[in-house]
All heavy atoms as atom14 arrays in JSON, in Angstrom:
{
  "sequence": "GGFLAMGGWAVFANAAHPMPEPVIAGLVQGAMTAV",
  "atom14_mask": [
    [1, 1, 1, 1, 0, 0, 0, 0, 0, 0, 0, 0, 0, 0],
    [1, 1, 1, 1, 0, 0, 0, 0, 0, 0, 0, 0, 0, 0],
    [1, 1, 1, 1, 1, 1, 1, 1, 1, 1, 1, 0, 0, 0],
    [1, 1, 1, 1, 1, 1, 1, 1, 0, 0, 0, 0, 0, 0],
    [1, 1, 1, 1, 1, 0, 0, 0, 0, 0, 0, 0, 0, 0],
    [1, 1, 1, 1, 1, 1, 1, 1, 0, 0, 0, 0, 0, 0],
    [1, 1, 1, 1, 0, 0, 0, 0, 0, 0, 0, 0, 0, 0],
    [1, 1, 1, 1, 0, 0, 0, 0, 0, 0, 0, 0, 0, 0],
    [1, 1, 1, 1, 1, 1, 1, 1, 1, 1, 1, 1, 1, 1],
    [1, 1, 1, 1, 1, 0, 0, 0, 0, 0, 0, 0, 0, 0],
    [1, 1, 1, 1, 1, 1, 1, 0, 0, 0, 0, 0, 0, 0],
    [1, 1, 1, 1, 1, 1, 1, 1, 1, 1, 1, 0, 0, 0],
    [1, 1, 1, 1, 1, 0, 0, 0, 0, 0, 0, 0, 0, 0],
    [1, 1, 1, 1, 1, 1, 1, 1, 0, 0, 0, 0, 0, 0],
    [1, 1, 1, 1, 1, 0, 0, 0, 0, 0, 0, 0, 0, 0],
    [1, 1, 1, 1, 1, 0, 0, 0, 0, 0, 0, 0, 0, 0],
    [1, 1, 1, 1, 1, 1, 1, 1, 1, 1, 0, 0, 0, 0],
    [1, 1, 1, 1, 1, 1, 1, 0, 0, 0, 0, 0, 0, 0],
    [1, 1, 1, 1, 1, 1, 1, 1, 0, 0, 0, 0, 0, 0],
    [1, 1, 1, 1, 1, 1, 1, 0, 0, 0, 0, 0, 0, 0],
    [1, 1, 1, 1, 1, 1, 1, 1, 1, 0, 0, 0, 0, 0],
    [1, 1, 1, 1, 1, 1, 1, 0, 0, 0, 0, 0, 0, 0],
    [1, 1, 1, 1, 1, 1, 1, 0, 0, 0, 0, 0, 0, 0],
    [1, 1, 1, 1, 1, 1, 1, 1, 0, 0, 0, 0, 0, 0],
    [1, 1, 1, 1, 1, 0, 0, 0, 0, 0, 0, 0, 0, 0],
    [1, 1, 1, 1, 0, 0, 0, 0, 0, 0, 0, 0, 0, 0],
    [1, 1, 1, 1, 1, 1, 1, 1, 0, 0, 0, 0, 0, 0],
    [1, 1, 1, 1, 1, 1, 1, 0, 0, 0, 0, 0, 0, 0],
    [1, 1, 1, 1, 1, 1, 1, 1, 1, 0, 0, 0, 0, 0],
    [1, 1, 1, 1, 0, 0, 0, 0, 0, 0, 0, 0, 0, 0],
    [1, 1, 1, 1, 1, 0, 0, 0, 0, 0, 0, 0, 0, 0],
    [1, 1, 1, 1, 1, 1, 1, 1, 0, 0, 0, 0, 0, 0],
    [1, 1, 1, 1, 1, 1, 1, 0, 0, 0, 0, 0, 0, 0],
    [1, 1, 1, 1, 1, 0, 0, 0, 0, 0, 0, 0, 0, 0],
    [1, 1, 1, 1, 1, 1, 1, 0, 0, 0, 0, 0, 0, 0]
  ],
  "atom14_positions": [
    [[-45.27, -25.01, 51.75], [-46.29, -24.61, 50.64], [-45.6, -23.84, 49.57], [-45.81, -23.94, 48.45], [0.0, 0.0, 0.0], [0.0, 0.0, 0.0], [0.0, 0.0, 0.0], [0.0, 0.0, 0.0], [0.0, 0.0, 0.0], [0.0, 0.0, 0.0], [0.0, 0.0, 0.0], [0.0, 0.0, 0.0], [0.0, 0.0, 0.0], [0.0, 0.0, 0.0]],
    [[-44.79, -22.87, 50.01], [-43.89, -22.02, 49.14], [-43.02, -22.92, 48.28], [-42.88, -22.78, 47.06], [0.0, 0.0, 0.0], [0.0, 0.0, 0.0], [0.0, 0.0, 0.0], [0.0, 0.0, 0.0], [0.0, 0.0, 0.0], [0.0, 0.0, 0.0], [0.0, 0.0, 0.0], [0.0, 0.0, 0.0], [0.0, 0.0, 0.0], [0.0, 0.0, 0.0]],
    [[-42.38, -23.91, 48.89], [-41.47, -24.85, 48.21], [-42.22, -25.53, 47.04], [-41.84, -25.54, 45.8], [-40.83, -25.88, 49.09], [-39.91, -26.82, 48.4], [-38.58, -26.48, 48.38], [-40.41, -28.02, 47.83], [-37.7, -27.41, 47.78], [-39.61, -28.83, 47.17], [-38.17, -28.59, 47.15], [0.0, 0.0, 0.0], [0.0, 0.0, 0.0], [0.0, 0.0, 0.0]],
    [[-43.37, -26.01, 47.42], [-44.21, -26.79, 46.43], [-44.79, -25.94, 45.37], [-44.64, -26.28, 44.24], [-45.38, -27.56, 47.14], [-44.85, -28.65, 48.06], [-46.05, -29.38, 48.83], [-44.15, -29.86, 47.24], [0.0, 0.0, 0.0], [0.0, 0.0, 0.0], [0.0, 0.0, 0.0], [0.0, 0.0, 0.0], [0.0, 0.0, 0.0], [0.0, 0.0, 0.0]],
    [[-45.37, -24.81, 45.8], [-45.99, -23.97, 44.8], [-44.96, -23.38, 43.78], [-45.13, -23.39, 42.55], [-46.8, -22.84, 45.49], [0.0, 0.0, 0.0], [0.0, 0.0, 0.0], [0.0, 0.0, 0.0], [0.0, 0.0, 0.0], [0.0, 0.0, 0.0], [0.0, 0.0, 0.0], [0.0, 0.0, 0.0], [0.0, 0.0, 0.0], [0.0, 0.0, 0.0]],
    [[-44.02, -22.67, 44.35], [-43.0, -22.03, 43.42], [-42.01, -23.02, 42.77], [-41.61, -22.78, 41.65], [-42.15, -21.0, 44.2], [-43.01, -19.87, 44.77], [-44.06, -18.98, 43.47], [-45.5, -18.63, 44.39], [0.0, 0.0, 0.0], [0.0, 0.0, 0.0], [0.0, 0.0, 0.0], [0.0, 0.0, 0.0], [0.0, 0.0, 0.0], [0.0, 0.0, 0.0]],
    [[-41.71, -24.13, 43.41], [-40.94, -25.08, 42.78], [-41.82, -25.8, 41.58], [-41.16, -26.02, 40.56], [0.0, 0.0, 0.0], [0.0, 0.0, 0.0], [0.0, 0.0, 0.0], [0.0, 0.0, 0.0], [0.0, 0.0, 0.0], [0.0, 0.0, 0.0], [0.0, 0.0, 0.0], [0.0, 0.0, 0.0], [0.0, 0.0, 0.0], [0.0, 0.0, 0.0]],
    [[-43.02, -26.0, 41.87], [-43.89, -26.51, 40.81], [-44.07, -25.56, 39.68], [-44.02, -25.97, 38.49], [0.0, 0.0, 0.0], [0.0, 0.0, 0.0], [0.0, 0.0, 0.0], [0.0, 0.0, 0.0], [0.0, 0.0, 0.0], [0.0, 0.0, 0.0], [0.0, 0.0, 0.0], [0.0, 0.0, 0.0], [0.0, 0.0, 0.0], [0.0, 0.0, 0.0]],
    [[-44.04, -24.25, 39.94], [-44.08, -23.24, 38.89], [-42.77, -23.32, 38.06], [-42.88, -23.23, 36.77], [-44.35, -21.93, 39.37], [-43.93, -20.86, 38.36], [-42.83, -20.07, 38.27], [-44.71, -20.55, 37.18], [-42.87, -19.32, 37.06], [-43.98, -19.62, 36.46], [-45.91, -21.09, 36.72], [-44.5, -19.16, 35.19], [-46.36, -20.51, 35.38], [-45.61, -19.56, 34.67]],
    [[-41.66, -23.47, 38.63], [-40.43, -23.54, 37.96], [-40.31, -24.8, 37.12], [-39.88, -24.73, 35.93], [-39.24, -23.48, 39.0], [0.0, 0.0, 0.0], [0.0, 0.0, 0.0], [0.0, 0.0, 0.0], [0.0, 0.0, 0.0], [0.0, 0.0, 0.0], [0.0, 0.0, 0.0], [0.0, 0.0, 0.0], [0.0, 0.0, 0.0], [0.0, 0.0, 0.0]],
    [[-40.84, -25.92, 37.5], [-40.91, -27.1, 36.63], [-41.81, -26.83, 35.44], [-41.37, -27.14, 34.32], [-41.4, -28.3, 37.51], [-41.79, -29.46, 36.59], [-40.51, -28.74, 38.56], [0.0, 0.0, 0.0], [0.0, 0.0, 0.0], [0.0, 0.0, 0.0], [0.0, 0.0, 0.0], [0.0, 0.0, 0.0], [0.0, 0.0, 0.0], [0.0, 0.0, 0.0]],
    [[-42.88, -26.19, 35.63], [-43.76, -25.84, 34.62], [-43.17, -24.89, 33.55], [-43.2, -25.06, 32.4], [-45.12, -25.3, 35.16], [-46.03, -24.85, 33.97], [-46.84, -25.81, 33.38], [-46.23, -23.52, 33.73], [-47.7, -25.41, 32.38], [-47.14, -23.09, 32.8], [-47.84, -23.97, 32.13], [0.0, 0.0, 0.0], [0.0, 0.0, 0.0], [0.0, 0.0, 0.0]],
    [[-42.5, -23.89, 34.15], [-41.88, -22.77, 33.3], [-40.75, -23.36, 32.4], [-40.45, -22.88, 31.39], [-41.35, -21.7, 34.12], [0.0, 0.0, 0.0], [0.0, 0.0, 0.0], [0.0, 0.0, 0.0], [0.0, 0.0, 0.0], [0.0, 0.0, 0.0], [0.0, 0.0, 0.0], [0.0, 0.0, 0.0], [0.0, 0.0, 0.0], [0.0, 0.0, 0.0]],
    [[-40.18, -24.53, 32.84], [-39.09, -25.1, 32.21], [-39.41, -26.38, 31.43], [-38.52, -27.19, 31.01], [-37.93, -25.28, 33.13], [-37.27, -24.03, 33.52], [-36.51, -23.36, 32.69], [-37.64, -23.48, 34.71], [0.0, 0.0, 0.0], [0.0, 0.0, 0.0], [0.0, 0.0, 0.0], [0.0, 0.0, 0.0], [0.0, 0.0, 0.0], [0.0, 0.0, 0.0]],
    [[-40.72, -26.77, 31.35], [-41.13, -28.07, 30.98], [-40.81, -28.3, 29.45], [-40.74, -29.55, 29.1], [-42.73, -28.12, 31.15], [0.0, 0.0, 0.0], [0.0, 0.0, 0.0], [0.0, 0.0, 0.0], [0.0, 0.0, 0.0], [0.0, 0.0, 0.0], [0.0, 0.0, 0.0], [0.0, 0.0, 0.0], [0.0, 0.0, 0.0], [0.0, 0.0, 0.0]],
    [[-40.56, -27.24, 28.63], [-40.14, -27.51, 27.24], [-38.78, -27.99, 27.05], [-38.5, -28.49, 25.99], [-40.38, -26.27, 26.46], [0.0, 0.0, 0.0], [0.0, 0.0, 0.0], [0.0, 0.0, 0.0], [0.0, 0.0, 0.0], [0.0, 0.0, 0.0], [0.0, 0.0, 0.0], [0.0, 0.0, 0.0], [0.0, 0.0, 0.0], [0.0, 0.0, 0.0]],
    [[-38.08, -28.04, 28.17], [-36.57, -28.44, 28.1], [-36.44, -29.94, 28.56], [-37.34, -30.43, 29.24], [-35.63, -27.6, 28.92], [-35.73, -26.12, 28.4], [-34.87, -25.72, 27.4], [-36.58, -25.08, 28.56], [-35.18, -24.46, 27.05], [-36.14, -24.11, 27.79], [0.0, 0.0, 0.0], [0.0, 0.0, 0.0], [0.0, 0.0, 0.0], [0.0, 0.0, 0.0]],
    [[-35.32, -30.63, 28.05], [-35.23, -31.95, 28.41], [-34.97, -32.18, 29.94], [-34.42, -31.36, 30.61], [-33.93, -32.54, 27.65], [-33.21, -31.2, 27.27], [-34.34, -30.15, 27.25], [0.0, 0.0, 0.0], [0.0, 0.0, 0.0], [0.0, 0.0, 0.0], [0.0, 0.0, 0.0], [0.0, 0.0, 0.0], [0.0, 0.0, 0.0], [0.0, 0.0, 0.0]],
    [[-35.41, -33.36, 30.43], [-35.14, -33.74, 31.81], [-33.64, -33.84, 31.97], [-33.0, -34.31, 31.05], [-35.83, -34.99, 32.2], [-37.39, -34.77, 32.36], [-37.59, -33.7, 33.72], [-39.39, -33.72, 33.74], [0.0, 0.0, 0.0], [0.0, 0.0, 0.0], [0.0, 0.0, 0.0], [0.0, 0.0, 0.0], [0.0, 0.0, 0.0], [0.0, 0.0, 0.0]],
    [[-33.06, -33.55, 33.08], [-33.73, -33.16, 34.35], [-33.78, -31.63, 34.62], [-34.02, -31.21, 35.66], [-32.7, -33.81, 35.29], [-31.39, -33.67, 34.84], [-31.65, -33.83, 33.31], [0.0, 0.0, 0.0], [0.0, 0.0, 0.0], [0.0, 0.0, 0.0], [0.0, 0.0, 0.0], [0.0, 0.0, 0.0], [0.0, 0.0, 0.0], [0.0, 0.0, 0.0]],
    [[-33.57, -30.92, 33.52], [-33.58, -29.37, 33.74], [-34.83, -28.87, 34.4], [-34.68, -28.1, 35.32], [-33.29, -28.68, 32.37], [-31.91, -28.94, 31.86], [-31.69, -28.33, 30.45], [-32.63, -28.11, 29.76], [-30.5, -28.11, 30.15], [0.0, 0.0, 0.0], [0.0, 0.0, 0.0], [0.0, 0.0, 0.0], [0.0, 0.0, 0.0], [0.0, 0.0, 0.0]],
    [[-35.96, -29.32, 34.04], [-37.24, -28.79, 34.76], [-37.24, -29.17, 36.25], [-37.57, -28.32, 37.05], [-38.32, -29.36, 34.07], [-37.83, -29.72, 32.7], [-36.39, -30.02, 32.83], [0.0, 0.0, 0.0], [0.0, 0.0, 0.0], [0.0, 0.0, 0.0], [0.0, 0.0, 0.0], [0.0, 0.0, 0.0], [0.0, 0.0, 0.0], [0.0, 0.0, 0.0]],
    [[-36.82, -30.31, 36.53], [-36.8, -30.77, 37.92], [-35.67, -29.99, 38.73], [-35.98, -29.6, 39.91], [-36.63, -32.32, 38.03], [-36.34, -32.76, 39.44], [-37.74, -33.07, 37.37], [0.0, 0.0, 0.0], [0.0, 0.0, 0.0], [0.0, 0.0, 0.0], [0.0, 0.0, 0.0], [0.0, 0.0, 0.0], [0.0, 0.0, 0.0], [0.0, 0.0, 0.0]],
    [[-34.6, -29.79, 38.19], [-33.5, -29.05, 38.9], [-34.02, -27.64, 39.16], [-33.76, -27.13, 40.17], [-32.17, -29.03, 38.16], [-31.59, -30.51, 38.02], [-31.22, -28.12, 38.56], [-30.5, -30.69, 37.1], [0.0, 0.0, 0.0], [0.0, 0.0, 0.0], [0.0, 0.0, 0.0], [0.0, 0.0, 0.0], [0.0, 0.0, 0.0], [0.0, 0.0, 0.0]],
    [[-34.63, -27.01, 38.07], [-35.12, -25.6, 38.31], [-36.18, -25.7, 39.41], [-36.17, -24.71, 40.25], [-35.7, -25.25, 36.99], [0.0, 0.0, 0.0], [0.0, 0.0, 0.0], [0.0, 0.0, 0.0], [0.0, 0.0, 0.0], [0.0, 0.0, 0.0], [0.0, 0.0, 0.0], [0.0, 0.0, 0.0], [0.0, 0.0, 0.0], [0.0, 0.0, 0.0]],
    [[-37.06, -26.66, 39.44], [-38.05, -26.75, 40.54], [-37.47, -26.89, 41.92], [-37.82, -26.24, 42.84], [0.0, 0.0, 0.0], [0.0, 0.0, 0.0], [0.0, 0.0, 0.0], [0.0, 0.0, 0.0], [0.0, 0.0, 0.0], [0.0, 0.0, 0.0], [0.0, 0.0, 0.0], [0.0, 0.0, 0.0], [0.0, 0.0, 0.0], [0.0, 0.0, 0.0]],
    [[-36.41, -27.8, 42.01], [-35.84, -27.93, 43.32], [-35.03, -26.62, 43.7], [-35.06, -26.28, 44.97], [-34.83, -29.06, 43.29], [-35.48, -30.43, 43.18], [-34.51, -31.53, 42.78], [-36.32, -30.81, 44.31], [0.0, 0.0, 0.0], [0.0, 0.0, 0.0], [0.0, 0.0, 0.0], [0.0, 0.0, 0.0], [0.0, 0.0, 0.0], [0.0, 0.0, 0.0]],
    [[-34.34, -25.94, 42.86], [-33.61, -24.69, 43.12], [-34.67, -23.76, 43.55], [-34.43, -23.02, 44.63], [-32.8, -24.28, 41.92], [-32.31, -22.9, 42.06], [-31.63, -25.24, 41.66], [0.0, 0.0, 0.0], [0.0, 0.0, 0.0], [0.0, 0.0, 0.0], [0.0, 0.0, 0.0], [0.0, 0.0, 0.0], [0.0, 0.0, 0.0], [0.0, 0.0, 0.0]],
    [[-35.75, -23.46, 42.76], [-36.68, -22.44, 43.11], [-37.38, -22.76, 44.39], [-37.58, -21.91, 45.26], [-37.72, -22.25, 42.03], [-38.69, -21.14, 42.23], [-37.97, -19.77, 42.57], [-37.19, -19.3, 41.72], [-38.22, -19.11, 43.63], [0.0, 0.0, 0.0], [0.0, 0.0, 0.0], [0.0, 0.0, 0.0], [0.0, 0.0, 0.0], [0.0, 0.0, 0.0]],
    [[-37.78, -24.03, 44.6], [-38.5, -24.31, 45.87], [-37.52, -24.08, 47.04], [-37.96, -23.57, 48.1], [0.0, 0.0, 0.0], [0.0, 0.0, 0.0], [0.0, 0.0, 0.0], [0.0, 0.0, 0.0], [0.0, 0.0, 0.0], [0.0, 0.0, 0.0], [0.0, 0.0, 0.0], [0.0, 0.0, 0.0], [0.0, 0.0, 0.0], [0.0, 0.0, 0.0]],
    [[-36.23, -24.49, 47.07], [-35.4, -24.28, 48.1], [-35.11, -22.84, 48.39], [-35.13, -22.32, 49.54], [-34.12, -25.02, 47.86], [0.0, 0.0, 0.0], [0.0, 0.0, 0.0], [0.0, 0.0, 0.0], [0.0, 0.0, 0.0], [0.0, 0.0, 0.0], [0.0, 0.0, 0.0], [0.0, 0.0, 0.0], [0.0, 0.0, 0.0], [0.0, 0.0, 0.0]],
    [[-34.97, -22.01, 47.3], [-34.69, -20.63, 47.43], [-36.0, -19.95, 47.97], [-35.84, -18.9, 48.74], [-34.32, -20.04, 46.14], [-32.89, -20.47, 45.65], [-31.67, -20.16, 46.9], [-31.73, -18.42, 47.03], [0.0, 0.0, 0.0], [0.0, 0.0, 0.0], [0.0, 0.0, 0.0], [0.0, 0.0, 0.0], [0.0, 0.0, 0.0], [0.0, 0.0, 0.0]],
    [[-37.07, -20.36, 47.63], [-38.37, -19.79, 48.14], [-38.46, -20.01, 49.65], [-38.76, -19.14, 50.39], [-39.64, -20.34, 47.39], [-39.57, -20.0, 46.1], [-40.91, -19.89, 48.08], [0.0, 0.0, 0.0], [0.0, 0.0, 0.0], [0.0, 0.0, 0.0], [0.0, 0.0, 0.0], [0.0, 0.0, 0.0], [0.0, 0.0, 0.0], [0.0, 0.0, 0.0]],
    [[-38.05, -21.14, 50.1], [-38.17, -21.55, 51.55], [-37.13, -20.62, 52.25], [-37.43, -20.03, 53.28], [-37.78, -23.02, 51.72], [0.0, 0.0, 0.0], [0.0, 0.0, 0.0], [0.0, 0.0, 0.0], [0.0, 0.0, 0.0], [0.0, 0.0, 0.0], [0.0, 0.0, 0.0], [0.0, 0.0, 0.0], [0.0, 0.0, 0.0], [0.0, 0.0, 0.0]],
    [[-35.9, -20.54, 51.66], [-34.86, -19.7, 52.45], [-35.29, -18.13, 52.44], [-35.17, -17.6, 53.46], [-33.49, -19.8, 51.66], [-32.52, -18.82, 52.14], [-33.05, -21.27, 51.86], [0.0, 0.0, 0.0], [0.0, 0.0, 0.0], [0.0, 0.0, 0.0], [0.0, 0.0, 0.0], [0.0, 0.0, 0.0], [0.0, 0.0, 0.0], [0.0, 0.0, 0.0]]
  ]
}
């Protein structure tokens, strides 16, 4: 749940930037939230 919620927030927070930056930010944040 933390991975999805906080990873999703990171994608949203970086949505103004070109792909894949928002997705990478989301994966990084999701993984770090879990850890």
